[in-house]
Amino acid sequence: MSEIMVHLKALEDSLDEQTYRFVVAEAVAKYYIMLIRKTQKKVDRYQLLERVNLKLKALGIQSVSYGYLRKWY
């Protein structure tokens, strides 16, 4: 995950704030979905949304809505 974030941080200057937010949210969501599938845990969309938004908040990025995340999981 840290390697992904290093690459995304490099893109931050070249993207506007909203686009960067959605790109990071997508990358984080796909990473968590991959982990969920690998461990075969039962996680609903709201739990995934909480995890993604907590990661975004830790990075200082505004959270995303349930509707945005629904298309990934």
Protein backbone atom coordinates (compact mmCIF):
# COMPACT_ATOMS: atom_id res chain seq x y z
CA MET A 1 0.00 0.00 0.00
CA SER A 2 2.81 2.41 0.80
CA GLU A 3 4.30 1.94 -2.68
CA ILE A 4 0.94 2.83 -4.24
CA MET A 5 0.71 5.94 -2.08
CA VAL A 6 4.21 7.08 -3.12
CA HIS A 7 3.17 6.94 -6.78
CA LEU A 8 -0.11 8.71 -6.08
CA LYS A 9 1.66 11.43 -4.11
CA ALA A 10 3.77 12.11 -7.20
CA LEU A 11 0.57 12.75 -9.18
CA GLU A 12 -0.86 15.17 -6.64
CA ASP A 13 0.64 18.29 -8.21
CA SER A 14 -0.50 17.44 -11.73
CA LEU A 15 -4.18 16.79 -10.84
CA ASP A 16 -6.83 19.07 -9.43
CA GLU A 17 -8.00 18.37 -5.87
CA GLN A 18 -11.23 16.55 -6.72
CA THR A 19 -9.68 14.32 -9.38
CA TYR A 20 -6.82 13.45 -7.03
CA ARG A 21 -9.34 12.59 -4.30
CA PHE A 22 -11.19 10.16 -6.57
CA VAL A 23 -7.99 8.58 -7.90
CA VAL A 24 -6.72 7.94 -4.37
CA ALA A 25 -10.13 6.65 -3.26
CA GLU A 26 -10.23 4.24 -6.20
CA ALA A 27 -6.73 2.96 -5.51
CA VAL A 28 -7.43 2.48 -1.81
CA ALA A 29 -10.77 0.77 -2.49
CA LYS A 30 -9.27 -1.62 -5.01
CA TYR A 31 -6.44 -2.43 -2.60
CA TYR A 32 -8.89 -3.23 0.21
CA ILE A 33 -11.10 -5.26 -2.14
CA MET A 34 -8.06 -7.28 -3.17
CA LEU A 35 -7.26 -7.96 0.49
CA ILE A 36 -10.87 -8.91 1.22
CA ARG A 37 -10.93 -11.39 -1.65
CA LYS A 38 -7.55 -12.81 -0.68
CA THR A 39 -8.60 -13.41 2.94
CA GLN A 40 -12.20 -14.31 1.99
CA LYS A 41 -13.65 -12.14 4.76
CA LYS A 42 -17.23 -10.96 4.73
CA VAL A 43 -17.14 -7.17 4.46
CA ASP A 44 -20.12 -5.12 3.39
CA ARG A 45 -19.94 -1.89 1.43
CA TYR A 46 -20.39 0.34 4.47
CA GLN A 47 -17.42 -1.25 6.21
CA LEU A 48 -15.35 -0.80 3.07
CA LEU A 49 -16.50 2.83 2.83
CA GLU A 50 -15.42 3.44 6.41
CA ARG A 51 -11.97 1.97 5.76
CA VAL A 52 -11.48 3.98 2.58
CA ASN A 53 -12.66 7.22 4.18
CA LEU A 54 -10.44 6.67 7.22
CA LYS A 55 -7.44 6.23 4.93
CA LEU A 56 -8.39 9.36 3.00
CA LYS A 57 -8.81 11.30 6.23
CA ALA A 58 -5.38 10.14 7.41
CA LEU A 59 -3.94 11.52 4.17
CA GLY A 60 -5.76 14.83 4.62
CA ILE A 61 -8.18 14.21 1.76
CA GLN A 62 -11.93 14.76 1.87
CA SER A 63 -14.00 11.58 2.14
CA VAL A 64 -16.01 10.04 -0.70
CA SER A 65 -19.67 9.09 -0.77
CA TYR A 66 -21.24 5.67 -0.67
CA GLY A 67 -22.47 6.12 -4.25
CA TYR A 68 -18.93 6.58 -5.54
CA LEU A 69 -17.67 3.50 -3.76
CA ARG A 70 -20.61 1.33 -4.77
CA LYS A 71 -19.33 0.92 -8.32
CA TRP A 72 -16.10 -0.68 -7.09
CA TYR A 73 -17.55 -3.28 -4.71
